[in-house]
C-alpha atoms as a PDB file:
ATOM      1  CA  LYS A   1       0.291   0.344   0.286  1.00  0.00           C
ATOM      2  CA  PRO A   2       1.524   3.361  -0.273  1.00  0.00           C
ATOM      3  CA  LEU A   3       1.994   5.388   2.620  1.00  0.00           C
ATOM      4  CA  CYS A   4      -0.020   7.337   3.084  1.00  0.00           C
ATOM      5  CA  ALA A   5      -2.717   4.288   2.403  1.00  0.00           C
ATOM      6  CA  TYR A   6      -1.621   4.042   6.858  1.00  0.00           C
ATOM      7  CA  ALA A   7      -2.386   7.132   8.010  1.00  0.00           C
ATOM      8  CA  TYR A   8      -6.290   7.815   9.716  1.00  0.00           C
ATOM      9  CA  ARG A   9      -7.672   4.278   9.752  1.00  0.00           C
ATOM     10  CA  GLY A  10     -10.082   5.145  13.066  1.00  0.00           C
ATOM     11  CA  PHE A  11      -7.597   5.221  16.194  1.00  0.00           C
ATOM     12  CA  GLU A  12      -6.167   1.645  16.126  1.00  0.00           C
ATOM     13  CA  SER A  13      -2.520   1.020  16.178  1.00  0.00           C
ATOM     14  CA  LEU A  14      -0.478   2.656  13.062  1.00  0.00           C
ATOM     15  CA  PRO A  15       3.050   0.765  12.377  1.00  0.00           C
ATOM     16  CA  LEU A  16       6.153   2.635  12.885  1.00  0.00           C
ATOM     17  CA  ARG A  17       8.162   2.338  10.256  1.00  0.00           C
ATOM     18  CA  HIS A  18      11.823   2.519   9.431  1.00  0.00           C
ATOM     19  CA  PHE A  19      14.321   2.237   6.675  1.00  0.00           C
ATOM     20  CA  PRO A  20      18.047   1.907   6.441  1.00  0.00           C
ATOM     21  CA  THR A  21      19.749   5.118   6.922  1.00  0.00           C
ATOM     22  CA  ALA A  22      22.773   6.014   5.683  1.00  0.00           C
ATOM     23  CA  GLN A  23      23.618   8.820   8.056  1.00  0.00           C
ATOM     24  CA  PRO A  24      27.197   8.918   9.069  1.00  0.00           C
ATOM     25  CA  PRO A  25      27.244   6.755  12.455  1.00  0.00           C
ATOM     26  CA  GLU A  26      27.644   9.569  14.591  1.00  0.00           C
ATOM     27  CA  THR A  27      24.437  11.521  13.948  1.00  0.00           C
ATOM     28  CA  MET A  28      21.809   9.609  14.189  1.00  0.00           C
ATOM     29  CA  PRO A  29      22.579   8.298  17.466  1.00  0.00           C
ATOM     30  CA  ASN A  30      23.885  11.376  18.973  1.00  0.00           C
ATOM     31  CA  TRP A  31      20.352  12.967  17.882  1.00  0.00           C
ATOM     32  CA  ASP A  32      19.120   9.942  19.228  1.00  0.00           C
ATOM     33  CA  LYS A  33      20.956  10.630  23.192  1.00  0.00           C
ATOM     34  CA  ARG A  34      19.681  14.504  23.147  1.00  0.00           C
ATOM     35  CA  TYR A  35      16.209  13.152  22.516  1.00  0.00           C
ATOM     36  CA  ARG A  36      16.649  10.654  25.024  1.00  0.00           C
ATOM     37  CA  GLU A  37      18.595  12.129  28.095  1.00  0.00           C
ATOM     38  CA  SER A  38      16.737  15.708  27.947  1.00  0.00           C
ATOM     39  CA  PRO A  39      14.543  16.188  30.833  1.00  0.00           C
ATOM     40  CA  GLU A  40      11.903  18.127  28.417  1.00  0.00           C
ATOM     41  CA  ARG A  41      11.302  18.580  25.292  1.00  0.00           C
ATOM     42  CA  LEU A  42      14.417  20.271  22.747  1.00  0.00           C
ATOM     43  CA  PHE A  43      11.602  22.385  20.965  1.00  0.00           C
ATOM     44  CA  GLY A  44       9.197  22.723  23.561  1.00  0.00           C
ATOM     45  CA  ALA A  45       5.098  21.412  23.147  1.00  0.00           C
ATOM     46  CA  ALA A  46       3.551  23.886  20.904  1.00  0.00           C
ATOM     47  CA  PRO A  47       4.065  24.385  16.691  1.00  0.00           C
ATOM     48  CA  ILE A  48       6.702  26.175  15.007  1.00  0.00           C
ATOM     49  CA  GLN A  49       4.337  29.931  14.914  1.00  0.00           C
ATOM     50  CA  TYR A  50       4.659  29.752  10.810  1.00  0.00           C
ATOM     51  CA  LEU A  51       3.151  26.733  10.648  1.00  0.00           C
ATOM     52  CA  ARG A  52       0.050  27.828  12.077  1.00  0.00           C
ATOM     53  CA  GLN A  53      -0.263  31.216  10.639  1.00  0.00           C
ATOM     54  CA  VAL A  54       0.989  28.895   7.625  1.00  0.00           C
ATOM     55  CA  MET A  55      -2.562  26.962   7.821  1.00  0.00           C
ATOM     56  CA  ALA A  56      -4.806  29.977   9.473  1.00  0.00           C
ATOM     57  CA  ARG A  57      -4.988  31.699   5.982  1.00  0.00           C
ATOM     58  CA  SER A  58      -7.732  31.737   4.213  1.00  0.00           C
ATOM     59  CA  ASP A  59      -6.703  29.268   0.883  1.00  0.00           C
ATOM     60  CA  VAL A  60      -4.142  26.828   2.789  1.00  0.00           C
ATOM     61  CA  ALA A  61      -6.780  23.365   3.241  1.00  0.00           C
ATOM     62  CA  PRO A  62      -4.645  20.592   3.100  1.00  0.00           C
ATOM     63  CA  GLU A  63      -6.033  17.352   3.539  1.00  0.00           C
ATOM     64  CA  ARG A  64      -3.044  15.089   2.807  1.00  0.00           C
ATOM     65  CA  ALA A  65       0.366  16.388   4.242  1.00  0.00           C
ATOM     66  CA  LEU A  66       4.048  14.903   4.444  1.00  0.00           C
ATOM     67  CA  MET A  67       6.233  16.137   7.225  1.00  0.00           C
ATOM     68  CA  LEU A  68      10.447  16.870   6.108  1.00  0.00           C
ATOM     69  CA  GLY A  69      11.340  16.018  10.119  1.00  0.00           C
ATOM     70  CA  ASP A  70       9.859  16.229  12.636  1.00  0.00           C
ATOM     71  CA  ASP A  71      11.920  15.804  15.559  1.00  0.00           C
ATOM     72  CA  ASP A  72       9.205  14.365  18.959  1.00  0.00           C
ATOM     73  CA  GLY A  73       5.886  15.338  16.833  1.00  0.00           C
ATOM     74  CA  ARG A  74       5.052  19.106  18.160  1.00  0.00           C
ATOM     75  CA  ASN A  75       3.965  20.077  14.431  1.00  0.00           C
ATOM     76  CA  GLY A  76       2.595  17.108  13.425  1.00  0.00           C
ATOM     77  CA  THR A  77       0.760  16.756  16.132  1.00  0.00           C
ATOM     78  CA  TRP A  78      -0.538  19.370  16.007  1.00  0.00           C
ATOM     79  CA  LEU A  79      -1.390  19.513  12.750  1.00  0.00           C
ATOM     80  CA  ALA A  80      -3.187  16.180  12.843  1.00  0.00           C
ATOM     81  CA  GLY A  81      -5.309  17.918  15.111  1.00  0.00           C
ATOM     82  CA  GLN A  82      -6.459  19.881  12.603  1.00  0.00           C
ATOM     83  CA  GLY A  83      -8.186  17.106  10.745  1.00  0.00           C
ATOM     84  CA  VAL A  84      -5.153  16.489   8.301  1.00  0.00           C
ATOM     85  CA  GLN A  85      -3.714  12.739   7.348  1.00  0.00           C
ATOM     86  CA  VAL A  86      -0.197  12.938   8.159  1.00  0.00           C
ATOM     87  CA  THR A  87       3.243  11.164   6.741  1.00  0.00           C
ATOM     88  CA  ALA A  88       6.036  12.063   9.087  1.00  0.00           C
ATOM     89  CA  VAL A  89       9.750  11.213   8.534  1.00  0.00           C
ATOM     90  CA  ASP A  90      12.316  12.085  10.972  1.00  0.00           C
ATOM     91  CA  ILE A  91      15.801  10.159  11.679  1.00  0.00           C
ATOM     92  CA  SER A  92      15.582   9.430  15.276  1.00  0.00           C
ATOM     93  CA  ALA A  93      13.305   6.656  16.200  1.00  0.00           C
ATOM     94  CA  VAL A  94      13.977   7.927  20.052  1.00  0.00           C
ATOM     95  CA  ALA A  95      12.373  10.882  18.350  1.00  0.00           C
ATOM     96  CA  THR A  96       9.793   9.259  16.241  1.00  0.00           C
ATOM     97  CA  GLU A  97       8.507   7.423  19.804  1.00  0.00           C
ATOM     98  CA  GLN A  98       8.236  10.278  21.987  1.00  0.00           C
ATOM     99  CA  ALA A  99       6.310  11.141  18.783  1.00  0.00           C
ATOM    100  CA  MET A 100       3.485   8.391  18.643  1.00  0.00           C
ATOM    101  CA  ALA A 101       3.826   8.993  22.587  1.00  0.00           C
ATOM    102  CA  HIS A 102       2.298  12.656  21.990  1.00  0.00           C
ATOM    103  CA  ASP A 103       0.071  11.419  19.588  1.00  0.00           C
ATOM    104  CA  ARG A 104      -1.339   9.515  21.516  1.00  0.00           C
ATOM    105  CA  ALA A 105      -1.336  11.605  24.131  1.00  0.00           C
ATOM    106  CA  ALA A 106      -3.526  14.376  21.641  1.00  0.00           C
ATOM    107  CA  GLY A 107      -6.334  11.033  19.882  1.00  0.00           C
ATOM    108  CA  VAL A 108      -4.681  11.646  16.689  1.00  0.00           C
ATOM    109  CA  ARG A 109      -2.804   9.549  14.379  1.00  0.00           C
ATOM    110  CA  VAL A 110       0.323  10.048  12.317  1.00  0.00           C
ATOM    111  CA  GLU A 111       2.911   7.414   9.862  1.00  0.00           C
ATOM    112  CA  ARG A 112       6.184   7.997  11.403  1.00  0.00           C
ATOM    113  CA  ILE A 113       7.966   6.615   9.622  1.00  0.00           C
ATOM    114  CA  VAL A 114      12.183   6.733  11.148  1.00  0.00           C
ATOM    115  CA  ALA A 115      14.565   6.651   7.885  1.00  0.00           C
ATOM    116  CA  ASP A 116      16.839   9.680   5.977  1.00  0.00           C
ATOM    117  CA  LEU A 117      16.333  11.692   3.907  1.00  0.00           C
ATOM    118  CA  ALA A 118      18.817  11.503   2.418  1.00  0.00           C
ATOM    119  CA  ASP A 119      17.932   8.780   0.925  1.00  0.00           C
ATOM    120  CA  TRP A 120      13.587   8.831   1.344  1.00  0.00           C
ATOM    121  CA  SER A 121      11.078   9.644  -1.475  1.00  0.00           C
ATOM    122  CA  ALA A 122       7.263   8.769  -1.092  1.00  0.00           C
ATOM    123  CA  PRO A 123       6.717   5.750  -2.772  1.00  0.00           C
ATOM    124  CA  ALA A 124       5.097   5.458  -6.166  1.00  0.00           C
ATOM    125  CA  GLY A 125       1.008   7.188  -5.879  1.00  0.00           C
ATOM    126  CA  ALA A 126       1.108   8.854  -2.668  1.00  0.00           C
ATOM    127  CA  VAL A 127       1.007  12.197  -3.714  1.00  0.00           C
ATOM    128  CA  PHE A 128       0.245  15.302  -1.045  1.00  0.00           C
ATOM    129  CA  ASP A 129      -1.470  19.111  -1.149  1.00  0.00           C
ATOM    130  CA  ALA A 130       1.375  20.070   1.728  1.00  0.00           C
ATOM    131  CA  VAL A 131       5.517  19.111   2.339  1.00  0.00           C
ATOM    132  CA  PHE A 132       6.498  21.173   5.296  1.00  0.00           C
ATOM    133  CA  MET A 133      10.863  21.315   5.953  1.00  0.00           C
ATOM    134  CA  LEU A 134      10.566  22.735   9.007  1.00  0.00           C
ATOM    135  CA  TYR A 135      14.289  23.591  10.563  1.00  0.00           C
ATOM    136  CA  LEU A 136      15.677  20.577   8.446  1.00  0.00           C
ATOM    137  CA  GLN A 137      18.912  21.750   9.150  1.00  0.00           C
ATOM    138  CA  CYS A 138      21.009  19.199   7.634  1.00  0.00           C
ATOM    139  CA  GLU A 139      23.643  19.222   4.691  1.00  0.00           C
ATOM    140  CA  ALA A 140      22.280  21.487   1.292  1.00  0.00           C
ATOM    141  CA  ARG A 141      22.718  18.513  -0.743  1.00  0.00           C
ATOM    142  CA  VAL A 142      21.061  17.142   1.192  1.00  0.00           C
ATOM    143  CA  ARG A 143      17.919  19.977   2.283  1.00  0.00           C
ATOM    144  CA  LEU A 144      16.947  20.485  -1.521  1.00  0.00           C
ATOM    145  CA  ASP A 145      17.660  16.984  -2.547  1.00  0.00           C
ATOM    146  CA  SER A 146      14.663  15.984  -0.227  1.00  0.00           C
ATOM    147  CA  LEU A 147      12.646  19.139  -1.030  1.00  0.00           C
ATOM    148  CA  ALA A 148      12.481  17.662  -4.789  1.00  0.00           C
ATOM    149  CA  ARG A 149      11.206  14.558  -3.978  1.00  0.00           C
ATOM    150  CA  GLY A 150       8.677  16.520  -2.025  1.00  0.00           C
ATOM    151  CA  ALA A 151       7.342  18.747  -4.348  1.00  0.00           C
ATOM    152  CA  ALA A 152       7.311  15.943  -7.140  1.00  0.00           C
ATOM    153  CA  ALA A 153       4.722  14.600  -4.477  1.00  0.00           C
ATOM    154  CA  LEU A 154       2.632  17.413  -4.650  1.00  0.00           C
ATOM    155  CA  ALA A 155      -0.632  16.975  -5.984  1.00  0.00           C
ATOM    156  CA  PRO A 156      -1.039  20.395  -8.866  1.00  0.00           C
ATOM    157  CA  GLY A 157      -1.765  23.219  -6.433  1.00  0.00           C
ATOM    158  CA  GLY A 158      -0.357  21.771  -3.014  1.00  0.00           C
ATOM    159  CA  LEU A 159       1.530  24.117  -0.909  1.00  0.00           C
ATOM    160  CA  PHE A 160       5.581  23.646  -0.198  1.00  0.00           C
ATOM    161  CA  VAL A 161       6.410  25.473   3.244  1.00  0.00           C
ATOM    162  CA  ALA A 162       9.642  25.873   4.884  1.00  0.00           C
ATOM    163  CA  GLU A 163      10.826  27.610   7.416  1.00  0.00           C
ATOM    164  CA  GLY A 164      14.635  27.218   9.023  1.00  0.00           C
ATOM    165  CA  PHE A 165      17.771  29.809  10.286  1.00  0.00           C
ATOM    166  CA  SER A 166      18.999  31.520   7.662  1.00  0.00           C
ATOM    167  CA  ARG A 167      22.443  31.788   6.333  1.00  0.00           C
ATOM    168  CA  THR A 168      22.426  35.385   6.196  1.00  0.00           C
ATOM    169  CA  GLY A 169      22.043  35.345   9.939  1.00  0.00           C
ATOM    170  CA  ALA A 170      25.262  32.873  10.883  1.00  0.00           C
ATOM    171  CA  SER A 171      27.483  33.738  13.886  1.00  0.00           C
ATOM    172  CA  ALA A 172      29.163  32.077  16.862  1.00  0.00           C
ATOM    173  CA  ASP A 173      26.163  33.507  19.352  1.00  0.00           C
ATOM    174  CA  GLY A 174      22.998  33.521  17.287  1.00  0.00           C
ATOM    175  CA  LEU A 175      20.599  30.794  16.969  1.00  0.00           C
ATOM    176  CA  GLY A 176      21.376  27.912  14.587  1.00  0.00           C
ATOM    177  CA  PRO A 177      24.018  25.348  12.803  1.00  0.00           C
ATOM    178  CA  LYS A 178      27.415  27.568  12.602  1.00  0.00           C
ATOM    179  CA  ASP A 179      28.008  25.695   9.285  1.00  0.00           C
ATOM    180  CA  PRO A 180      26.543  27.353   6.688  1.00  0.00           C
ATOM    181  CA  ASP A 181      26.552  24.483   4.301  1.00  0.00           C
ATOM    182  CA  HIS A 182      23.904  23.687   7.366  1.00  0.00           C
ATOM    183  CA  LEU A 183      21.535  27.050   7.210  1.00  0.00           C
ATOM    184  CA  TYR A 184      18.797  27.550   4.668  1.00  0.00           C
ATOM    185  CA  ASP A 185      18.915  30.286   1.212  1.00  0.00           C
ATOM    186  CA  LEU A 186      16.108  32.255  -0.174  1.00  0.00           C
ATOM    187  CA  ALA A 187      17.956  32.151  -3.266  1.00  0.00           C
ATOM    188  CA  SER A 188      18.310  28.550  -3.632  1.00  0.00           C
ATOM    189  CA  LEU A 189      15.014  26.975  -1.692  1.00  0.00           C
ATOM    190  CA  SER A 190      13.011  29.290  -4.716  1.00  0.00           C
ATOM    191  CA  ASP A 191      15.653  28.473  -7.153  1.00  0.00           C
ATOM    192  CA  ALA A 192      14.693  24.720  -6.468  1.00  0.00           C
ATOM    193  CA  LEU A 193      10.983  25.583  -6.763  1.00  0.00           C
ATOM    194  CA  ALA A 194      10.953  27.520 -10.541  1.00  0.00           C
ATOM    195  CA  GLY A 195       7.429  26.919 -12.376  1.00  0.00           C
ATOM    196  CA  PHE A 196       6.181  27.486  -8.291  1.00  0.00           C
ATOM    197  CA  ARG A 197       3.942  30.111  -7.436  1.00  0.00           C
ATOM    198  CA  LEU A 198       5.733  32.065  -4.224  1.00  0.00           C
ATOM    199  CA  LEU A 199       2.819  33.108  -2.297  1.00  0.00           C
ATOM    200  CA  GLU A 200       5.759  34.299   0.942  1.00  0.00           C
ATOM    201  CA  ALA A 201       8.807  34.699   0.596  1.00  0.00           C
ATOM    202  CA  PHE A 202      11.418  36.299   3.700  1.00  0.00           C
ATOM    203  CA  ASP A 203      14.770  36.201   4.417  1.00  0.00           C
ATOM    204  CA  GLY A 204      14.112  38.580   8.066  1.00  0.00           C
ATOM    205  CA  VAL A 205      14.323  38.626  12.383  1.00  0.00           C
ATOM    206  CA  THR A 206      12.122  36.723  14.809  1.00  0.00           C
ATOM    207  CA  TRP A 207      11.394  36.544  17.553  1.00  0.00           C
ATOM    208  CA  LEU A 208      11.655  32.307  19.033  1.00  0.00           C
ATOM    209  CA  ASP A 209      10.094  30.711  22.349  1.00  0.00           C
ATOM    210  CA  GLU A 210       9.920  27.203  21.127  1.00  0.00           C
ATOM    211  CA  GLY A 211      12.125  25.293  24.162  1.00  0.00           C
ATOM    212  CA  ALA A 212      15.309  25.290  25.103  1.00  0.00           C
ATOM    213  CA  ARG A 213      17.126  25.185  21.906  1.00  0.00           C
ATOM    214  CA  HIS A 214      14.957  27.472  20.127  1.00  0.00           C
ATOM    215  CA  GLN A 215      15.056  30.098  22.546  1.00  0.00           C
ATOM    216  CA  GLY A 216      15.732  34.603  21.287  1.00  0.00           C
ATOM    217  CA  GLU A 217      16.251  36.231  18.471  1.00  0.00           C
ATOM    218  CA  ALA A 218      16.990  34.672  15.150  1.00  0.00           C
ATOM    219  CA  ARG A 219      17.037  34.784  11.718  1.00  0.00           C
ATOM    220  CA  VAL A 220      14.931  32.470   9.653  1.00  0.00           C
ATOM    221  CA  VAL A 221      13.955  32.455   6.543  1.00  0.00           C
ATOM    222  CA  ARG A 222      10.136  31.400   5.328  1.00  0.00           C
ATOM    223  CA  LEU A 223       8.565  29.934   2.008  1.00  0.00           C
ATOM    224  CA  LEU A 224       6.002  29.411   0.386  1.00  0.00           C
ATOM    225  CA  ALA A 225       4.897  28.521  -2.672  1.00  0.00           C
ATOM    226  CA  ARG A 226       1.819  26.955  -4.708  1.00  0.00           C
ATOM    227  CA  LYS A 227       2.870  24.167  -7.691  1.00  0.00           C
ATOM    228  CA  PRO A 228       1.261  24.970 -10.402  1.00  0.00           C
ATOM    229  CA  ALA A 229      -1.550  22.729 -12.381  1.00  0.00           C
ATOM    230  CA  PRO A 230       0.133  20.473 -15.541  1.00  0.00           C
END
Protein backbone atom coordinates (compact mmCIF):
# COMPACT_ATOMS: atom_id res chain seq x y z
CA LYS A 1 0.00 0.00 0.00
CA PRO A 2 1.15 3.58 -0.50
CA LEU A 3 2.59 5.07 2.69
CA CYS A 4 -0.20 7.63 2.95
CA ALA A 5 -2.76 4.82 3.07
CA TYR A 6 -1.68 4.00 6.63
CA ALA A 7 -2.53 7.43 8.05
CA TYR A 8 -5.91 8.10 9.62
CA ARG A 9 -7.44 4.68 9.80
CA GLY A 10 -9.51 5.37 12.87
CA PHE A 11 -7.67 5.17 16.19
CA GLU A 12 -6.04 1.75 15.93
CA SER A 13 -2.28 1.55 16.40
CA LEU A 14 -0.26 2.49 13.35
CA PRO A 15 2.98 0.64 12.64
CA LEU A 16 6.23 2.54 13.09
CA ARG A 17 8.19 2.06 9.88
CA HIS A 18 11.99 1.98 9.71
CA PHE A 19 14.07 2.45 6.58
CA PRO A 20 17.84 1.97 6.24
CA THR A 21 19.90 5.08 6.92
CA ALA A 22 22.84 6.29 4.87
CA GLN A 23 23.66 8.98 7.44
CA PRO A 24 27.11 8.87 9.08
CA PRO A 25 26.84 6.53 12.08
CA GLU A 26 27.40 9.25 14.67
CA THR A 27 24.57 11.50 13.46
CA MET A 28 21.46 9.52 14.38
CA PRO A 29 22.80 8.28 17.74
CA ASN A 30 23.64 11.86 18.71
CA TRP A 31 20.05 12.97 18.10
CA ASP A 32 18.75 9.84 19.80
CA LYS A 33 20.95 10.65 22.81
CA ARG A 34 19.76 14.25 22.96
CA TYR A 35 16.10 13.26 22.91
CA ARG A 36 16.58 10.39 25.33
CA GLU A 37 18.50 12.41 27.94
CA SER A 38 16.60 15.70 27.79
CA PRO A 39 14.38 16.24 30.87
CA GLU A 40 12.03 18.35 28.75
CA ARG A 41 11.00 18.61 25.12
CA LEU A 42 13.96 20.06 23.21
CA PHE A 43 11.89 22.45 21.09
CA GLY A 44 8.82 22.83 23.31
CA ALA A 45 5.36 21.35 22.92
CA ALA A 46 3.73 24.03 20.75
CA PRO A 47 3.88 23.92 16.95
CA ILE A 48 6.06 26.36 15.05
CA GLN A 49 4.41 29.76 14.79
CA TYR A 50 4.89 29.91 11.03
CA LEU A 51 3.05 26.58 10.63
CA ARG A 52 0.08 28.07 12.47
CA GLN A 53 0.24 31.23 10.36
CA VAL A 54 0.24 29.25 7.12
CA MET A 55 -2.65 27.06 8.24
CA ALA A 56 -4.66 30.18 9.20
CA ARG A 57 -4.61 31.47 5.61
CA SER A 58 -7.92 31.37 3.76
CA ASP A 59 -6.24 29.76 0.73
CA VAL A 60 -4.66 26.89 2.70
CA ALA A 61 -6.69 23.74 3.51
CA PRO A 62 -4.63 20.59 2.95
CA GLU A 63 -6.15 17.16 3.48
CA ARG A 64 -2.87 15.20 3.27
CA ALA A 65 0.52 16.49 4.40
CA LEU A 66 4.12 15.28 4.47
CA MET A 67 6.50 16.45 7.19
CA LEU A 68 10.17 16.28 6.16
CA GLY A 69 11.60 16.01 9.68
CA ASP A 70 9.26 16.25 12.68
CA ASP A 71 11.55 15.70 15.71
CA ASP A 72 9.35 14.65 18.66
CA GLY A 73 6.15 15.49 16.85
CA ARG A 74 5.14 18.96 17.96
CA ASN A 75 4.24 20.01 14.41
CA GLY A 76 2.84 16.77 13.03
CA THR A 77 0.71 16.11 16.12
CA TRP A 78 -0.76 19.60 15.98
CA LEU A 79 -1.40 19.36 12.24
CA ALA A 80 -3.19 16.03 12.67
CA GLY A 81 -5.33 17.72 15.30
CA GLN A 82 -6.50 20.14 12.61
CA GLY A 83 -7.95 17.20 10.67
CA VAL A 84 -5.03 16.73 8.28
CA GLN A 85 -3.78 13.24 7.33
CA VAL A 86 -0.09 13.43 8.21
CA THR A 87 2.94 11.37 7.22
CA ALA A 88 6.09 12.39 9.12
CA VAL A 89 9.66 11.26 8.44
CA ASP A 90 12.52 11.71 10.91
CA ILE A 91 15.98 10.19 11.32
CA SER A 92 15.73 9.75 15.10
CA ALA A 93 13.99 6.61 16.33
CA VAL A 94 13.89 8.00 19.88
CA ALA A 95 12.27 11.27 18.78
CA THR A 96 9.78 9.32 16.68
CA GLU A 97 8.82 7.05 19.58
CA GLN A 98 8.29 10.19 21.68
CA ALA A 99 6.20 11.69 18.87
CA MET A 100 3.99 8.61 18.81
CA ALA A 101 3.39 9.00 22.55
CA HIS A 102 2.41 12.64 22.02
CA ASP A 103 0.06 11.57 19.21
CA ARG A 104 -1.66 9.12 21.53
CA ALA A 105 -1.95 11.74 24.28
CA ALA A 106 -3.54 14.16 21.80
CA GLY A 107 -5.92 11.52 20.44
CA VAL A 108 -4.60 11.68 16.87
CA ARG A 109 -2.88 9.29 14.51
CA VAL A 110 0.13 10.18 12.38
CA GLU A 111 2.01 7.81 10.12
CA ARG A 112 5.57 8.06 11.43
CA ILE A 113 8.59 6.76 9.53
CA VAL A 114 12.18 6.50 10.76
CA ALA A 115 14.40 7.15 7.75
CA ASP A 116 17.27 9.24 6.45
CA LEU A 117 15.93 12.00 4.21
CA ALA A 118 19.19 11.83 2.26
CA ASP A 119 17.70 8.91 0.35
CA TRP A 120 14.05 8.54 1.40
CA SER A 121 11.31 9.16 -1.15
CA ALA A 122 7.57 8.84 -0.96
CA PRO A 123 6.51 5.72 -2.86
CA ALA A 124 5.06 5.90 -6.32
CA GLY A 125 1.44 6.97 -6.15
CA ALA A 126 1.69 8.82 -2.84
CA VAL A 127 0.39 12.36 -3.32
CA PHE A 128 0.18 15.18 -0.78
CA ASP A 129 -1.57 18.55 -0.68
CA ALA A 130 1.20 20.11 1.41
CA VAL A 131 4.84 19.37 2.19
CA PHE A 132 6.48 20.97 5.23
CA MET A 133 10.25 21.33 5.63
CA LEU A 134 10.66 23.05 9.00
CA TYR A 135 14.15 23.49 10.47
CA LEU A 136 15.69 20.66 8.47
CA GLN A 137 19.18 22.03 9.20
CA CYS A 138 21.28 19.43 7.44
CA GLU A 139 23.70 19.61 4.50
CA ALA A 140 22.38 21.76 1.65
CA ARG A 141 22.64 18.88 -0.80
CA VAL A 142 20.45 16.66 1.39
CA ARG A 143 18.00 19.46 2.08
CA LEU A 144 17.58 20.42 -1.58
CA ASP A 145 17.34 16.81 -2.74
CA SER A 146 14.68 16.19 -0.11
CA LEU A 147 12.89 19.35 -1.22
CA ALA A 148 12.87 18.15 -4.82
CA ARG A 149 11.47 14.74 -3.87
CA GLY A 150 8.84 16.34 -1.65
CA ALA A 151 7.84 18.78 -4.37
CA ALA A 152 7.49 15.90 -6.83
CA ALA A 153 5.01 14.24 -4.45
CA LEU A 154 2.80 17.34 -4.32
CA ALA A 155 -0.53 17.34 -6.10
CA PRO A 156 -1.13 20.16 -8.60
CA GLY A 157 -2.01 23.21 -6.55
CA GLY A 158 -0.24 21.73 -3.53
CA LEU A 159 1.85 23.83 -1.17
CA PHE A 160 5.50 23.65 -0.19
CA VAL A 161 6.23 25.29 3.17
CA ALA A 162 9.72 25.91 4.54
CA GLU A 163 11.23 27.63 7.54
CA GLY A 164 14.77 27.43 8.88
CA PHE A 165 17.71 29.41 10.17
CA SER A 166 19.08 31.74 7.51
CA ARG A 167 22.60 31.77 6.14
CA THR A 168 22.55 35.56 6.23
CA GLY A 169 22.21 35.49 10.02
CA ALA A 170 25.04 33.07 10.82
CA SER A 171 27.13 34.15 13.80
CA ALA A 172 29.16 32.54 16.53
CA ASP A 173 26.69 33.50 19.26
CA GLY A 174 23.41 33.37 17.32
CA LEU A 175 20.78 30.66 17.18
CA GLY A 176 21.10 27.84 14.69
CA PRO A 177 23.95 25.78 13.22
CA LYS A 178 27.36 27.38 12.77
CA ASP A 179 28.14 25.57 9.51
CA PRO A 180 26.81 27.76 6.65
CA ASP A 181 26.04 24.64 4.62
CA HIS A 182 23.43 23.70 7.23
CA LEU A 183 21.61 27.02 6.92
CA TYR A 184 18.75 28.00 4.62
CA ASP A 185 19.24 30.25 1.62
CA LEU A 186 16.11 31.85 0.15
CA ALA A 187 17.50 32.05 -3.37
CA SER A 188 18.42 28.36 -3.53
CA LEU A 189 15.01 27.32 -2.18
CA SER A 190 13.24 29.51 -4.71
CA ASP A 191 15.41 28.21 -7.54
CA ALA A 192 14.68 24.62 -6.52
CA LEU A 193 10.96 25.37 -6.80
CA ALA A 194 11.18 26.96 -10.24
CA GLY A 195 7.75 27.19 -11.80
CA PHE A 196 5.99 27.30 -8.42
CA ARG A 197 4.01 30.41 -7.54
CA LEU A 198 5.66 32.17 -4.58
CA LEU A 199 3.06 33.21 -2.03
CA GLU A 200 5.53 34.22 0.68
CA ALA A 201 9.30 34.67 0.69
CA PHE A 202 10.98 36.09 3.79
CA ASP A 203 14.54 36.37 5.07
CA GLY A 204 14.59 38.38 8.25
CA VAL A 205 14.54 38.59 12.02
CA THR A 206 11.96 36.99 14.28
CA TRP A 207 11.76 35.98 17.94
CA LEU A 208 11.68 32.28 18.75
CA ASP A 209 10.20 30.84 21.93
CA GLU A 210 10.36 27.10 21.27
CA GLY A 211 11.78 25.04 24.09
CA ALA A 212 15.32 25.20 25.41
CA ARG A 213 17.07 25.11 22.02
CA HIS A 214 15.12 27.81 20.15
CA GLN A 215 15.04 30.83 22.46
CA GLY A 216 15.66 34.39 21.40
CA GLU A 217 16.14 36.55 18.33
CA ALA A 218 16.94 34.67 15.15
CA ARG A 219 17.25 35.34 11.46
CA VAL A 220 15.11 32.86 9.53
CA VAL A 221 14.01 32.04 6.01
CA ARG A 222 10.32 31.41 5.36
CA LEU A 223 8.89 30.28 2.07
CA LEU A 224 5.40 29.34 0.91
CA ALA A 225 4.96 28.25 -2.71
CA ARG A 226 2.15 26.64 -4.72
CA LYS A 227 2.73 23.96 -7.34
CA PRO A 228 1.22 24.89 -10.71
CA ALA A 229 -1.48 22.89 -12.42
CA PRO A 230 -0.22 20.76 -15.34
